[in-house]
Amino acid sequence: MTLNDFRSTVEHSSPPPVSTLLLALWHDARGDWDQAHRLAQDVDDASGAWVHAYLHRKEGDLSNARYWYRRAAQPEAIDSLDDEWSRLASALLNV
């Protein structure tokens, strides 16, 4: 699945068959931050920490986001949330 393919599924009423973290990004893109956060916090690896960081950045909780960026071994994002969402989705899709 390409990034554009994944992005287009946001318009559908049900998610595509993807990993938990992509599912979290799917819910985030549809405006369901709470469900995205529930999914991301259950993935205990660097990718889960990165999605978790992005979500707290989006929420506006920058100190919490910084903690999760450190856990993810990722630099703190300073670009737009949309750009970070795309980077995350691309990384998780391995594209």
Protein backbone atom coordinates (compact mmCIF):
# COMPACT_ATOMS: atom_id res chain seq x y z
CA MET A 1 0.00 0.00 0.00
CA THR A 2 1.34 3.44 -0.88
CA LEU A 3 1.03 6.54 1.25
CA ASN A 4 -1.61 7.92 -1.12
CA ASP A 5 -3.54 4.65 -0.98
CA PHE A 6 -3.46 4.74 2.82
CA ARG A 7 -4.42 8.40 2.95
CA SER A 8 -7.43 7.74 0.69
CA THR A 9 -8.79 5.11 3.12
CA VAL A 10 -9.48 7.86 5.65
CA GLU A 11 -12.59 8.64 3.61
CA HIS A 12 -13.94 5.11 4.17
CA SER A 13 -16.15 4.23 7.11
CA SER A 14 -13.96 1.33 8.18
CA PRO A 15 -10.18 1.08 8.35
CA PRO A 16 -8.02 -0.97 6.02
CA PRO A 17 -6.28 -4.12 7.29
CA VAL A 18 -3.12 -2.46 8.61
CA SER A 19 -0.85 -2.59 11.65
CA THR A 20 -1.93 -1.18 14.99
CA LEU A 21 0.16 1.96 14.55
CA LEU A 22 -1.17 2.66 11.08
CA LEU A 23 -4.62 2.12 12.50
CA ALA A 24 -3.79 4.74 15.14
CA LEU A 25 -2.79 7.20 12.41
CA TRP A 26 -5.97 6.35 10.50
CA HIS A 27 -8.12 7.21 13.53
CA ASP A 28 -6.10 10.38 14.11
CA ALA A 29 -6.67 11.48 10.51
CA ARG A 30 -10.40 10.96 11.03
CA GLY A 31 -10.35 13.18 14.12
CA ASP A 32 -10.47 10.44 16.75
CA TRP A 33 -7.41 11.38 18.83
CA ASP A 34 -8.56 9.32 21.82
CA GLN A 35 -8.76 6.07 19.87
CA ALA A 36 -5.45 6.83 18.14
CA HIS A 37 -3.83 7.39 21.53
CA ARG A 38 -5.31 4.20 23.01
CA LEU A 39 -3.85 2.19 20.15
CA ALA A 40 -0.43 3.88 20.14
CA GLN A 41 0.16 3.60 23.86
CA ASP A 42 -0.19 -0.18 23.68
CA VAL A 43 2.74 -0.59 21.26
CA ASP A 44 5.92 -0.72 23.33
CA ASP A 45 8.65 -0.11 20.78
CA ALA A 46 10.36 2.84 19.09
CA SER A 47 7.67 3.15 16.40
CA GLY A 48 4.94 3.17 19.03
CA ALA A 49 6.83 5.85 20.93
CA TRP A 50 7.12 7.97 17.77
CA VAL A 51 3.37 7.79 17.07
CA HIS A 52 2.77 8.53 20.74
CA ALA A 53 5.08 11.58 20.51
CA TYR A 54 3.27 12.86 17.41
CA LEU A 55 -0.10 12.51 19.13
CA HIS A 56 1.02 14.43 22.22
CA ARG A 57 2.54 17.10 19.99
CA LYS A 58 -0.79 17.38 18.21
CA GLU A 59 -2.56 17.58 21.55
CA GLY A 60 -0.27 20.45 22.52
CA ASP A 61 1.42 18.59 25.38
CA LEU A 62 4.97 19.33 24.25
CA SER A 63 6.77 18.19 27.38
CA ASN A 64 5.10 14.79 27.12
CA ALA A 65 5.79 14.71 23.37
CA ARG A 66 9.50 15.38 24.03
CA TYR A 67 9.63 12.42 26.40
CA TRP A 68 8.18 10.15 23.71
CA TYR A 69 10.49 11.52 20.99
CA ARG A 70 13.43 10.61 23.23
CA ARG A 71 12.01 7.10 23.75
CA ALA A 72 11.57 6.80 19.98
CA ALA A 73 15.15 8.00 19.34
CA GLN A 74 13.64 10.58 16.98
CA PRO A 75 14.38 14.30 16.85
CA GLU A 76 11.57 16.51 18.09
CA ALA A 77 9.48 17.40 15.06
CA ILE A 78 9.26 21.07 14.15
CA ASP A 79 7.51 20.81 10.79
CA SER A 80 3.75 20.71 10.28
CA LEU A 81 1.66 18.00 11.88
CA ASP A 82 0.55 16.93 8.40
CA ASP A 83 4.16 16.49 7.31
CA GLU A 84 4.99 14.46 10.39
CA TRP A 85 1.87 12.31 9.90
CA SER A 86 3.03 11.60 6.34
CA ARG A 87 6.57 10.73 7.51
CA LEU A 88 5.19 8.40 10.14
CA ALA A 89 2.78 6.69 7.78
CA SER A 90 5.50 6.31 5.14
CA ALA A 91 7.90 4.81 7.67
CA LEU A 92 5.27 2.39 8.93
CA LEU A 93 4.28 1.44 5.38
CA ASN A 94 7.98 0.98 4.57
CA VAL A 95 7.72 3.23 1.51
